[in-house]
Amino acid sequence: MVHRVSSILLALVIAACSAESAAGKPPPAGKADAESTKPAGGHAAKDVKPGSHEDWCVEHAVPESQCTRCDPSLVAAFKATGDWCDEHGLPESQCVKCNPDLKIVRPPKMP
């Protein structure tokens, strides 16, 4: 019985230590690159090229690099250029309420 309890405790300790060390280990080669370009929750990864197909905010249907709803730090630049709709709180160039004919099209995927 004591041997069995010791085995169970040893297994729990090994599992806990393995989980801790795995959390601190870097991902296997190649995995980090694939994950850095993978959209998380419909958002573009930070390292995508602005204006590319991958630079897209699925949630707001605008380029991620220009999405003021996801990145409020961009608001000042739009306001500074006079491209701001105070009524709707987003760039005038993205405001389909003020500009119903506005079509914001995602760039095509490049091969």
PDB file of N, CA and C in Angstrom:
ATOM      1  N   MET A   1       0.832  -1.195   0.000  1.00  0.00           N
ATOM      2  CA  MET A   1       0.000   0.000   0.000  1.00  0.00           C
ATOM      3  C   MET A   1       0.874   1.255   0.000  1.00  0.00           C
ATOM      4  N   VAL A   2       1.889   1.292   0.868  1.00  0.00           N
ATOM      5  CA  VAL A   2       2.785   2.448   0.934  1.00  0.00           C
ATOM      6  C   VAL A   2       3.481   2.635  -0.404  1.00  0.00           C
ATOM      7  N   HIS A   3       3.878   1.531  -1.015  1.00  0.00           N
ATOM      8  CA  HIS A   3       4.548   1.608  -2.325  1.00  0.00           C
ATOM      9  C   HIS A   3       3.622   2.218  -3.370  1.00  0.00           C
ATOM     10  N   ARG A   4       2.351   1.865  -3.314  1.00  0.00           N
ATOM     11  CA  ARG A   4       1.374   2.380  -4.276  1.00  0.00           C
ATOM     12  C   ARG A   4       1.155   3.879  -4.087  1.00  0.00           C
ATOM     13  N   VAL A   5       1.016   4.330  -2.837  1.00  0.00           N
ATOM     14  CA  VAL A   5       0.843   5.750  -2.542  1.00  0.00           C
ATOM     15  C   VAL A   5       2.081   6.519  -2.972  1.00  0.00           C
ATOM     16  N   SER A   6       3.254   5.969  -2.721  1.00  0.00           N
ATOM     17  CA  SER A   6       4.500   6.623  -3.123  1.00  0.00           C
ATOM     18  C   SER A   6       4.568   6.769  -4.639  1.00  0.00           C
ATOM     19  N   SER A   7       4.135   5.738  -5.342  1.00  0.00           N
ATOM     20  CA  SER A   7       4.151   5.785  -6.805  1.00  0.00           C
ATOM     21  C   SER A   7       3.212   6.863  -7.325  1.00  0.00           C
ATOM     22  N   ILE A   8       2.034   6.965  -6.713  1.00  0.00           N
ATOM     23  CA  ILE A   8       1.071   7.984  -7.128  1.00  0.00           C
ATOM     24  C   ILE A   8       1.618   9.382  -6.851  1.00  0.00           C
ATOM     25  N   LEU A   9       2.203   9.584  -5.668  1.00  0.00           N
ATOM     26  CA  LEU A   9       2.782  10.893  -5.336  1.00  0.00           C
ATOM     27  C   LEU A   9       3.918  11.241  -6.282  1.00  0.00           C
ATOM     28  N   LEU A  10       4.758  10.264  -6.574  1.00  0.00           N
ATOM     29  CA  LEU A  10       5.871  10.497  -7.490  1.00  0.00           C
ATOM     30  C   LEU A  10       5.349  10.893  -8.877  1.00  0.00           C
ATOM     31  N   ALA A  11       4.312  10.217  -9.348  1.00  0.00           N
ATOM     32  CA  ALA A  11       3.727  10.542 -10.650  1.00  0.00           C
ATOM     33  C   ALA A  11       3.165  11.960 -10.667  1.00  0.00           C
ATOM     34  N   LEU A  12       2.520  12.374  -9.575  1.00  0.00           N
ATOM     35  CA  LEU A  12       1.976  13.733  -9.493  1.00  0.00           C
ATOM     36  C   LEU A  12       3.087  14.776  -9.498  1.00  0.00           C
ATOM     37  N   VAL A  13       4.156  14.518  -8.768  1.00  0.00           N
ATOM     38  CA  VAL A  13       5.282  15.462  -8.727  1.00  0.00           C
ATOM     39  C   VAL A  13       5.920  15.581 -10.108  1.00  0.00           C
ATOM     40  N   ILE A  14       6.120  14.461 -10.769  1.00  0.00           N
ATOM     41  CA  ILE A  14       6.720  14.487 -12.113  1.00  0.00           C
ATOM     42  C   ILE A  14       5.824  15.252 -13.075  1.00  0.00           C
ATOM     43  N   ALA A  15       4.516  15.015 -13.013  1.00  0.00           N
ATOM     44  CA  ALA A  15       3.583  15.721 -13.899  1.00  0.00           C
ATOM     45  C   ALA A  15       3.618  17.224 -13.646  1.00  0.00           C
ATOM     46  N   ALA A  16       3.650  17.617 -12.372  1.00  0.00           N
ATOM     47  CA  ALA A  16       3.687  19.047 -12.043  1.00  0.00           C
ATOM     48  C   ALA A  16       4.976  19.682 -12.523  1.00  0.00           C
ATOM     49  N   CYS A  17       6.088  19.003 -12.313  1.00  0.00           N
ATOM     50  CA  CYS A  17       7.380  19.552 -12.760  1.00  0.00           C
ATOM     51  C   CYS A  17       7.447  19.635 -14.276  1.00  0.00           C
ATOM     52  N   SER A  18       6.902  18.635 -14.955  1.00  0.00           N
ATOM     53  CA  SER A  18       6.907  18.644 -16.415  1.00  0.00           C
ATOM     54  C   SER A  18       6.089  19.803 -16.950  1.00  0.00           C
ATOM     55  N   ALA A  19       4.947  20.082 -16.336  1.00  0.00           N
ATOM     56  CA  ALA A  19       4.096  21.189 -16.775  1.00  0.00           C
ATOM     57  C   ALA A  19       4.797  22.514 -16.568  1.00  0.00           C
ATOM     58  N   GLU A  20       5.493  22.670 -15.443  1.00  0.00           N
ATOM     59  CA  GLU A  20       6.214  23.919 -15.181  1.00  0.00           C
ATOM     60  C   GLU A  20       7.350  24.115 -16.155  1.00  0.00           C
ATOM     61  N   SER A  21       8.119  23.078 -16.429  1.00  0.00           N
ATOM     62  CA  SER A  21       9.251  23.245 -17.333  1.00  0.00           C
ATOM     63  C   SER A  21       8.779  23.446 -18.768  1.00  0.00           C
ATOM     64  N   ALA A  22       7.675  22.810 -19.142  1.00  0.00           N
ATOM     65  CA  ALA A  22       7.145  22.998 -20.498  1.00  0.00           C
ATOM     66  C   ALA A  22       6.677  24.423 -20.704  1.00  0.00           C
ATOM     67  N   ALA A  23       6.148  25.037 -19.646  1.00  0.00           N
ATOM     68  CA  ALA A  23       5.669  26.417 -19.762  1.00  0.00           C
ATOM     69  C   ALA A  23       6.820  27.380 -19.990  1.00  0.00           C
ATOM     70  N   GLY A  24       7.993  27.057 -19.475  1.00  0.00           N
ATOM     71  CA  GLY A  24       9.146  27.954 -19.617  1.00  0.00           C
ATOM     72  C   GLY A  24       9.998  27.668 -20.827  1.00  0.00           C
ATOM     73  N   LYS A  25       9.753  26.559 -21.523  1.00  0.00           N
ATOM     74  CA  LYS A  25      10.560  26.182 -22.672  1.00  0.00           C
ATOM     75  C   LYS A  25      10.103  26.913 -23.916  1.00  0.00           C
ATOM     76  N   PRO A  26      11.038  27.270 -24.795  1.00  0.00           N
ATOM     77  CA  PRO A  26      10.628  27.869 -26.066  1.00  0.00           C
ATOM     78  C   PRO A  26       9.951  26.812 -26.928  1.00  0.00           C
ATOM     79  N   PRO A  27       9.057  27.234 -27.852  1.00  0.00           N
ATOM     80  CA  PRO A  27       8.384  26.270 -28.712  1.00  0.00           C
ATOM     81  C   PRO A  27       9.383  25.588 -29.629  1.00  0.00           C
ATOM     82  N   PRO A  28       9.058  24.400 -30.124  1.00  0.00           N
ATOM     83  CA  PRO A  28       9.952  23.711 -31.050  1.00  0.00           C
ATOM     84  C   PRO A  28      10.212  24.572 -32.285  1.00  0.00           C
ATOM     85  N   ALA A  29      11.357  24.348 -32.924  1.00  0.00           N
ATOM     86  CA  ALA A  29      11.734  25.120 -34.111  1.00  0.00           C
ATOM     87  C   ALA A  29      10.636  25.050 -35.157  1.00  0.00           C
ATOM     88  N   GLY A  30      10.315  26.189 -35.739  1.00  0.00           N
ATOM     89  CA  GLY A  30       9.291  26.261 -36.775  1.00  0.00           C
ATOM     90  C   GLY A  30       7.911  26.550 -36.221  1.00  0.00           C
ATOM     91  N   LYS A  31       7.632  26.118 -35.019  1.00  0.00           N
ATOM     92  CA  LYS A  31       6.303  26.324 -34.445  1.00  0.00           C
ATOM     93  C   LYS A  31       6.071  27.791 -34.114  1.00  0.00           C
ATOM     94  N   ALA A  32       7.076  28.484 -33.587  1.00  0.00           N
ATOM     95  CA  ALA A  32       6.924  29.896 -33.228  1.00  0.00           C
ATOM     96  C   ALA A  32       6.611  30.725 -34.469  1.00  0.00           C
ATOM     97  N   ASP A  33       7.281  30.425 -35.584  1.00  0.00           N
ATOM     98  CA  ASP A  33       7.032  31.183 -36.805  1.00  0.00           C
ATOM     99  C   ASP A  33       5.607  30.996 -37.289  1.00  0.00           C
ATOM    100  N   ALA A  34       5.117  29.778 -37.254  1.00  0.00           N
ATOM    101  CA  ALA A  34       3.755  29.504 -37.712  1.00  0.00           C
ATOM    102  C   ALA A  34       2.741  30.189 -36.814  1.00  0.00           C
ATOM    103  N   GLU A  35       2.982  30.195 -35.508  1.00  0.00           N
ATOM    104  CA  GLU A  35       2.045  30.811 -34.588  1.00  0.00           C
ATOM    105  C   GLU A  35       2.067  32.329 -34.667  1.00  0.00           C
ATOM    106  N   SER A  36       3.206  32.944 -35.003  1.00  0.00           N
ATOM    107  CA  SER A  36       3.278  34.402 -35.028  1.00  0.00           C
ATOM    108  C   SER A  36       2.478  34.995 -36.181  1.00  0.00           C
ATOM    109  N   THR A  37       2.235  34.214 -37.223  1.00  0.00           N
ATOM    110  CA  THR A  37       1.461  34.731 -38.344  1.00  0.00           C
ATOM    111  C   THR A  37       0.021  34.236 -38.328  1.00  0.00           C
ATOM    112  N   LYS A  38      -0.315  33.440 -37.346  1.00  0.00           N
ATOM    113  CA  LYS A  38      -1.665  32.894 -37.245  1.00  0.00           C
ATOM    114  C   LYS A  38      -2.574  33.904 -36.566  1.00  0.00           C
ATOM    115  N   PRO A  39      -3.702  34.269 -37.192  1.00  0.00           N
ATOM    116  CA  PRO A  39      -4.612  35.206 -36.557  1.00  0.00           C
ATOM    117  C   PRO A  39      -5.187  34.640 -35.265  1.00  0.00           C
ATOM    118  N   ALA A  40      -5.277  35.478 -34.253  1.00  0.00           N
ATOM    119  CA  ALA A  40      -5.853  35.075 -32.975  1.00  0.00           C
ATOM    120  C   ALA A  40      -7.183  35.782 -32.813  1.00  0.00           C
ATOM    121  N   GLY A  41      -8.248  35.030 -32.772  1.00  0.00           N
ATOM    122  CA  GLY A  41      -9.562  35.630 -32.586  1.00  0.00           C
ATOM    123  C   GLY A  41      -9.976  36.530 -33.728  1.00  0.00           C
ATOM    124  N   GLY A  42      -9.532  36.225 -34.945  1.00  0.00           N
ATOM    125  CA  GLY A  42      -9.926  37.029 -36.091  1.00  0.00           C
ATOM    126  C   GLY A  42      -9.083  38.272 -36.290  1.00  0.00           C
ATOM    127  N   HIS A  43      -7.973  38.351 -35.595  1.00  0.00           N
ATOM    128  CA  HIS A  43      -7.091  39.506 -35.724  1.00  0.00           C
ATOM    129  C   HIS A  43      -5.768  39.088 -36.338  1.00  0.00           C
ATOM    130  N   ALA A  44      -5.164  40.014 -37.050  1.00  0.00           N
ATOM    131  CA  ALA A  44      -3.881  39.743 -37.684  1.00  0.00           C
ATOM    132  C   ALA A  44      -2.785  39.673 -36.637  1.00  0.00           C
ATOM    133  N   ALA A  45      -1.776  38.893 -36.941  1.00  0.00           N
ATOM    134  CA  ALA A  45      -0.595  38.828 -36.087  1.00  0.00           C
ATOM    135  C   ALA A  45       0.141  40.167 -36.178  1.00  0.00           C
ATOM    136  N   LYS A  46       0.928  40.461 -35.175  1.00  0.00           N
ATOM    137  CA  LYS A  46       1.628  41.748 -35.103  1.00  0.00           C
ATOM    138  C   LYS A  46       2.663  41.932 -36.211  1.00  0.00           C
ATOM    139  N   ASP A  47       3.203  40.845 -36.745  1.00  0.00           N
ATOM    140  CA  ASP A  47       4.311  40.963 -37.692  1.00  0.00           C
ATOM    141  C   ASP A  47       3.904  40.886 -39.168  1.00  0.00           C
ATOM    142  N   VAL A  48       2.611  41.024 -39.473  1.00  0.00           N
ATOM    143  CA  VAL A  48       2.204  40.967 -40.882  1.00  0.00           C
ATOM    144  C   VAL A  48       2.482  42.295 -41.579  1.00  0.00           C
ATOM    145  N   LYS A  49       2.616  42.233 -42.881  1.00  0.00           N
ATOM    146  CA  LYS A  49       2.888  43.429 -43.677  1.00  0.00           C
ATOM    147  C   LYS A  49       1.614  44.259 -43.801  1.00  0.00           C
ATOM    148  N   PRO A  50       1.647  45.534 -43.395  1.00  0.00           N
ATOM    149  CA  PRO A  50       0.475  46.397 -43.551  1.00  0.00           C
ATOM    150  C   PRO A  50       0.032  46.446 -45.018  1.00  0.00           C
ATOM    151  N   GLY A  51      -1.266  46.355 -45.218  1.00  0.00           N
ATOM    152  CA  GLY A  51      -1.812  46.391 -46.569  1.00  0.00           C
ATOM    153  C   GLY A  51      -1.883  45.034 -47.239  1.00  0.00           C
ATOM    154  N   SER A  52      -1.390  44.000 -46.570  1.00  0.00           N
ATOM    155  CA  SER A  52      -1.433  42.654 -47.147  1.00  0.00           C
ATOM    156  C   SER A  52      -2.759  41.978 -46.814  1.00  0.00           C
ATOM    157  N   HIS A  53      -2.995  40.857 -47.425  1.00  0.00           N
ATOM    158  CA  HIS A  53      -4.208  40.073 -47.166  1.00  0.00           C
ATOM    159  C   HIS A  53      -4.274  39.679 -45.687  1.00  0.00           C
ATOM    160  N   GLU A  54      -3.130  39.366 -45.103  1.00  0.00           N
ATOM    161  CA  GLU A  54      -3.069  38.931 -43.711  1.00  0.00           C
ATOM    162  C   GLU A  54      -3.324  40.075 -42.735  1.00  0.00           C
ATOM    163  N   ASP A  55      -3.169  41.313 -43.174  1.00  0.00           N
ATOM    164  CA  ASP A  55      -3.386  42.506 -42.345  1.00  0.00           C
ATOM    165  C   ASP A  55      -4.882  42.821 -42.341  1.00  0.00           C
ATOM    166  N   TRP A  56      -5.646  42.004 -41.616  1.00  0.00           N
ATOM    167  CA  TRP A  56      -7.093  42.180 -41.669  1.00  0.00           C
ATOM    168  C   TRP A  56      -7.727  41.899 -40.314  1.00  0.00           C
ATOM    169  N   CYS A  57      -8.580  42.813 -39.887  1.00  0.00           N
ATOM    170  CA  CYS A  57      -9.367  42.639 -38.675  1.00  0.00           C
ATOM    171  C   CYS A  57     -10.721  42.080 -39.104  1.00  0.00           C
ATOM    172  N   VAL A  58     -10.919  40.805 -38.884  1.00  0.00           N
ATOM    173  CA  VAL A  58     -12.160  40.145 -39.287  1.00  0.00           C
ATOM    174  C   VAL A  58     -13.344  40.737 -38.522  1.00  0.00           C
ATOM    175  N   GLU A  59     -13.119  41.057 -37.263  1.00  0.00           N
ATOM    176  CA  GLU A  59     -14.196  41.578 -36.420  1.00  0.00           C
ATOM    177  C   GLU A  59     -14.773  42.892 -36.939  1.00  0.00           C
ATOM    178  N   HIS A  60     -13.908  43.791 -37.449  1.00  0.00           N
ATOM    179  CA  HIS A  60     -14.365  45.117 -37.870  1.00  0.00           C
ATOM    180  C   HIS A  60     -14.269  45.351 -39.374  1.00  0.00           C
ATOM    181  N   ALA A  61     -13.806  44.360 -40.123  1.00  0.00           N
ATOM    182  CA  ALA A  61     -13.735  44.402 -41.590  1.00  0.00           C
ATOM    183  C   ALA A  61     -12.938  45.596 -42.127  1.00  0.00           C
ATOM    184  N   VAL A  62     -11.779  45.826 -41.505  1.00  0.00           N
ATOM    185  CA  VAL A  62     -10.839  46.855 -41.953  1.00  0.00           C
ATOM    186  C   VAL A  62      -9.432  46.290 -41.781  1.00  0.00           C
ATOM    187  N   PRO A  63      -8.430  46.917 -42.405  1.00  0.00           N
ATOM    188  CA  PRO A  63      -7.064  46.463 -42.151  1.00  0.00           C
ATOM    189  C   PRO A  63      -6.737  46.554 -40.650  1.00  0.00           C
ATOM    190  N   GLU A  64      -6.136  45.509 -40.118  1.00  0.00           N
ATOM    191  CA  GLU A  64      -5.772  45.485 -38.696  1.00  0.00           C
ATOM    192  C   GLU A  64      -4.856  46.655 -38.351  1.00  0.00           C
ATOM    193  N   SER A  65      -3.957  47.002 -39.260  1.00  0.00           N
ATOM    194  CA  SER A  65      -3.015  48.094 -39.010  1.00  0.00           C
ATOM    195  C   SER A  65      -3.697  49.455 -38.958  1.00  0.00           C
ATOM    196  N   GLN A  66      -4.990  49.516 -39.331  1.00  0.00           N
ATOM    197  CA  GLN A  66      -5.751  50.764 -39.312  1.00  0.00           C
ATOM    198  C   GLN A  66      -7.005  50.667 -38.445  1.00  0.00           C
ATOM    199  N   CYS A  67      -7.109  49.615 -37.650  1.00  0.00           N
ATOM    200  CA  CYS A  67      -8.313  49.399 -36.855  1.00  0.00           C
ATOM    201  C   CYS A  67      -8.214  50.145 -35.523  1.00  0.00           C
ATOM    202  N   THR A  68      -8.901  51.264 -35.457  1.00  0.00           N
ATOM    203  CA  THR A  68      -8.872  52.095 -34.249  1.00  0.00           C
ATOM    204  C   THR A  68      -9.680  51.486 -33.113  1.00  0.00           C
ATOM    205  N   ARG A  69     -10.583  50.586 -33.427  1.00  0.00           N
ATOM    206  CA  ARG A  69     -11.365  49.936 -32.366  1.00  0.00           C
ATOM    207  C   ARG A  69     -10.537  48.878 -31.655  1.00  0.00           C
ATOM    208  N   CYS A  70      -9.604  48.267 -32.362  1.00  0.00           N
ATOM    209  CA  CYS A  70      -8.712  47.288 -31.738  1.00  0.00           C
ATOM    210  C   CYS A  70      -7.460  47.944 -31.179  1.00  0.00           C
ATOM    211  N   ASP A  71      -7.026  49.042 -31.792  1.00  0.00           N
ATOM    212  CA  ASP A  71      -5.825  49.749 -31.347  1.00  0.00           C
ATOM    213  C   ASP A  71      -6.138  51.242 -31.230  1.00  0.00           C
ATOM    214  N   PRO A  72      -6.686  51.664 -30.085  1.00  0.00           N
ATOM    215  CA  PRO A  72      -7.055  53.074 -29.896  1.00  0.00           C
ATOM    216  C   PRO A  72      -5.892  54.053 -30.036  1.00  0.00           C
ATOM    217  N   SER A  73      -4.655  53.570 -29.965  1.00  0.00           N
ATOM    218  CA  SER A  73      -3.514  54.485 -30.128  1.00  0.00           C
ATOM    219  C   SER A  73      -3.443  55.053 -31.541  1.00  0.00           C
ATOM    220  N   LEU A  74      -4.174  54.481 -32.484  1.00  0.00           N
ATOM    221  CA  LEU A  74      -4.183  54.973 -33.871  1.00  0.00           C
ATOM    222  C   LEU A  74      -5.106  56.180 -34.066  1.00  0.00           C
ATOM    223  N   VAL A  75      -5.986  56.421 -33.130  1.00  0.00           N
ATOM    224  CA  VAL A  75      -6.991  57.486 -33.265  1.00  0.00           C
ATOM    225  C   VAL A  75      -6.346  58.842 -33.519  1.00  0.00           C
ATOM    226  N   ALA A  76      -5.316  59.179 -32.775  1.00  0.00           N
ATOM    227  CA  ALA A  76      -4.673  60.496 -32.897  1.00  0.00           C
ATOM    228  C   ALA A  76      -4.175  60.761 -34.314  1.00  0.00           C
ATOM    229  N   ALA A  77      -3.622  59.749 -34.959  1.00  0.00           N
ATOM    230  CA  ALA A  77      -3.106  59.933 -36.321  1.00  0.00           C
ATOM    231  C   ALA A  77      -4.248  60.206 -37.297  1.00  0.00           C
ATOM    232  N   PHE A  78      -5.357  59.499 -37.152  1.00  0.00           N
ATOM    233  CA  PHE A  78      -6.508  59.748 -38.032  1.00  0.00           C
ATOM    234  C   PHE A  78      -7.079  61.147 -37.791  1.00  0.00           C
ATOM    235  N   LYS A  79      -7.168  61.532 -36.529  1.00  0.00           N
ATOM    236  CA  LYS A  79      -7.679  62.878 -36.213  1.00  0.00           C
ATOM    237  C   LYS A  79      -6.750  63.952 -36.752  1.00  0.00           C
ATOM    238  N   ALA A  80      -5.447  63.726 -36.652  1.00  0.00           N
ATOM    239  CA  ALA A  80      -4.463  64.715 -37.117  1.00  0.00           C
ATOM    240  C   ALA A  80      -4.562  64.954 -38.617  1.00  0.00           C
ATOM    241  N   THR A  81      -5.009  63.961 -39.365  1.00  0.00           N
ATOM    242  CA  THR A  81      -5.131  64.121 -40.814  1.00  0.00           C
ATOM    243  C   THR A  81      -6.544  64.526 -41.226  1.00  0.00           C
ATOM    244  N   GLY A  82      -7.418  64.763 -40.249  1.00  0.00           N
ATOM    245  CA  GLY A  82      -8.792  65.172 -40.549  1.00  0.00           C
ATOM    246  C   GLY A  82      -9.675  64.014 -40.989  1.00  0.00           C
ATOM    247  N   ASP A  83      -9.215  62.790 -40.787  1.00  0.00           N
ATOM    248  CA  ASP A  83      -9.962  61.598 -41.180  1.00  0.00           C
ATOM    249  C   ASP A  83     -10.607  60.997 -39.926  1.00  0.00           C
ATOM    250  N   TRP A  84     -11.618  61.704 -39.398  1.00  0.00           N
ATOM    251  CA  TRP A  84     -12.266  61.228 -38.182  1.00  0.00           C
ATOM    252  C   TRP A  84     -13.743  61.588 -38.174  1.00  0.00           C
ATOM    253  N   CYS A  85     -14.583  60.645 -37.829  1.00  0.00           N
ATOM    254  CA  CYS A  85     -16.019  60.852 -37.693  1.00  0.00           C
ATOM    255  C   CYS A  85     -16.327  60.896 -36.200  1.00  0.00           C
ATOM    256  N   ASP A  86     -16.543  62.093 -35.671  1.00  0.00           N
ATOM    257  CA  ASP A  86     -16.842  62.243 -34.245  1.00  0.00           C
ATOM    258  C   ASP A  86     -18.146  61.555 -33.865  1.00  0.00           C
ATOM    259  N   GLU A  87     -19.119  61.612 -34.756  1.00  0.00           N
ATOM    260  CA  GLU A  87     -20.429  61.041 -34.457  1.00  0.00           C
ATOM    261  C   GLU A  87     -20.365  59.534 -34.198  1.00  0.00           C
ATOM    262  N   HIS A  88     -19.547  58.819 -34.988  1.00  0.00           N
ATOM    263  CA  HIS A  88     -19.498  57.364 -34.875  1.00  0.00           C
ATOM    264  C   HIS A  88     -18.210  56.843 -34.236  1.00  0.00           C
ATOM    265  N   GLY A  89     -17.254  57.727 -33.969  1.00  0.00           N
ATOM    266  CA  GLY A  89     -16.036  57.350 -33.258  1.00  0.00           C
ATOM    267  C   GLY A  89     -15.099  56.442 -34.010  1.00  0.00           C
ATOM    268  N   LEU A  90     -14.950  56.698 -35.310  1.00  0.00           N
ATOM    269  CA  LEU A  90     -13.997  55.945 -36.113  1.00  0.00           C
ATOM    270  C   LEU A  90     -13.580  56.782 -37.308  1.00  0.00           C
ATOM    271  N   PRO A  91     -12.547  56.347 -38.018  1.00  0.00           N
ATOM    272  CA  PRO A  91     -12.111  57.145 -39.165  1.00  0.00           C
ATOM    273  C   PRO A  91     -13.232  57.340 -40.187  1.00  0.00           C
ATOM    274  N   GLU A  92     -13.325  58.531 -40.718  1.00  0.00           N
ATOM    275  CA  GLU A  92     -14.321  58.824 -41.763  1.00  0.00           C
ATOM    276  C   GLU A  92     -14.119  57.879 -42.949  1.00  0.00           C
ATOM    277  N   SER A  93     -12.865  57.539 -43.226  1.00  0.00           N
ATOM    278  CA  SER A  93     -12.565  56.636 -44.342  1.00  0.00           C
ATOM    279  C   SER A  93     -13.042  55.207 -44.088  1.00  0.00           C
ATOM    280  N   GLN A  94     -13.522  54.929 -42.874  1.00  0.00           N
ATOM    281  CA  GLN A  94     -14.054  53.606 -42.533  1.00  0.00           C
ATOM    282  C   GLN A  94     -15.523  53.670 -42.097  1.00  0.00           C
ATOM    283  N   CYS A  95     -16.110  54.858 -42.114  1.00  0.00           N
ATOM    284  CA  CYS A  95     -17.459  55.037 -41.593  1.00  0.00           C
ATOM    285  C   CYS A  95     -18.507  54.771 -42.670  1.00  0.00           C
ATOM    286  N   VAL A  96     -19.046  53.560 -42.665  1.00  0.00           N
ATOM    287  CA  VAL A  96     -20.064  53.206 -43.656  1.00  0.00           C
ATOM    288  C   VAL A  96     -21.424  53.804 -43.307  1.00  0.00           C
ATOM    289  N   LYS A  97     -21.601  54.283 -42.074  1.00  0.00           N
ATOM    290  CA  LYS A  97     -22.858  54.954 -41.712  1.00  0.00           C
ATOM    291  C   LYS A  97     -22.934  56.317 -42.380  1.00  0.00           C
ATOM    292  N   CYS A  98     -21.824  57.037 -42.424  1.00  0.00           N
ATOM    293  CA  CYS A  98     -21.785  58.340 -43.087  1.00  0.00           C
ATOM    294  C   CYS A  98     -21.599  58.190 -44.603  1.00  0.00           C
ATOM    295  N   ASN A  99     -20.954  57.119 -44.994  1.00  0.00           N
ATOM    296  CA  ASN A  99     -20.646  56.867 -46.398  1.00  0.00           C
ATOM    297  C   ASN A  99     -21.184  55.489 -46.793  1.00  0.00           C
ATOM    298  N   PRO A 100     -22.497  55.355 -46.995  1.00  0.00           N
ATOM    299  CA  PRO A 100     -23.082  54.036 -47.262  1.00  0.00           C
ATOM    300  C   PRO A 100     -22.554  53.333 -48.510  1.00  0.00           C
ATOM    301  N   ASP A 101     -21.997  54.087 -49.445  1.00  0.00           N
ATOM    302  CA  ASP A 101     -21.452  53.469 -50.656  1.00  0.00           C
ATOM    303  C   ASP A 101     -19.998  53.009 -50.478  1.00  0.00           C
ATOM    304  N   LEU A 102     -19.435  53.264 -49.319  1.00  0.00           N
ATOM    305  CA  LEU A 102     -18.043  52.904 -49.037  1.00  0.00           C
ATOM    306  C   LEU A 102     -17.865  51.395 -49.020  1.00  0.00           C
ATOM    307  N   LYS A 103     -16.886  50.925 -49.751  1.00  0.00           N
ATOM    308  CA  LYS A 103     -16.563  49.507 -49.780  1.00  0.00           C
ATOM    309  C   LYS A 103     -15.109  49.342 -49.320  1.00  0.00           C
ATOM    310  N   ILE A 104     -14.924  48.690 -48.206  1.00  0.00           N
ATOM    311  CA  ILE A 104     -13.570  48.404 -47.732  1.00  0.00           C
ATOM    312  C   ILE A 104     -13.316  46.955 -48.086  1.00  0.00           C
ATOM    313  N   VAL A 105     -12.380  46.736 -49.009  1.00  0.00           N
ATOM    314  CA  VAL A 105     -12.139  45.422 -49.561  1.00  0.00           C
ATOM    315  C   VAL A 105     -10.810  44.883 -49.054  1.00  0.00           C
ATOM    316  N   ARG A 106     -10.847  43.651 -48.607  1.00  0.00           N
ATOM    317  CA  ARG A 106      -9.626  42.988 -48.168  1.00  0.00           C
ATOM    318  C   ARG A 106      -8.755  42.707 -49.386  1.00  0.00           C
ATOM    319  N   PRO A 107      -7.457  43.008 -49.324  1.00  0.00           N
ATOM    320  CA  PRO A 107      -6.564  42.723 -50.453  1.00  0.00           C
ATOM    321  C   PRO A 107      -6.559  41.231 -50.765  1.00  0.00           C
ATOM    322  N   PRO A 108      -6.323  40.885 -52.013  1.00  0.00           N
ATOM    323  CA  PRO A 108      -6.295  39.460 -52.372  1.00  0.00           C
ATOM    324  C   PRO A 108      -5.100  38.760 -51.735  1.00  0.00           C
ATOM    325  N   LYS A 109      -5.255  37.475 -51.546  1.00  0.00           N
ATOM    326  CA  LYS A 109      -4.179  36.658 -50.985  1.00  0.00           C
ATOM    327  C   LYS A 109      -3.137  36.431 -52.074  1.00  0.00           C
ATOM    328  N   MET A 110      -1.893  36.701 -51.726  1.00  0.00           N
ATOM    329  CA  MET A 110      -0.809  36.520 -52.695  1.00  0.00           C
ATOM    330  C   MET A 110      -0.292  35.084 -52.605  1.00  0.00           C
ATOM    331  N   PRO A 111       0.101  34.515 -53.745  1.00  0.00           N
ATOM    332  CA  PRO A 111       0.595  33.124 -53.735  1.00  0.00           C
ATOM    333  C   PRO A 111       1.928  32.999 -53.019  1.00  0.00           C
TER     334      PRO A 111
END
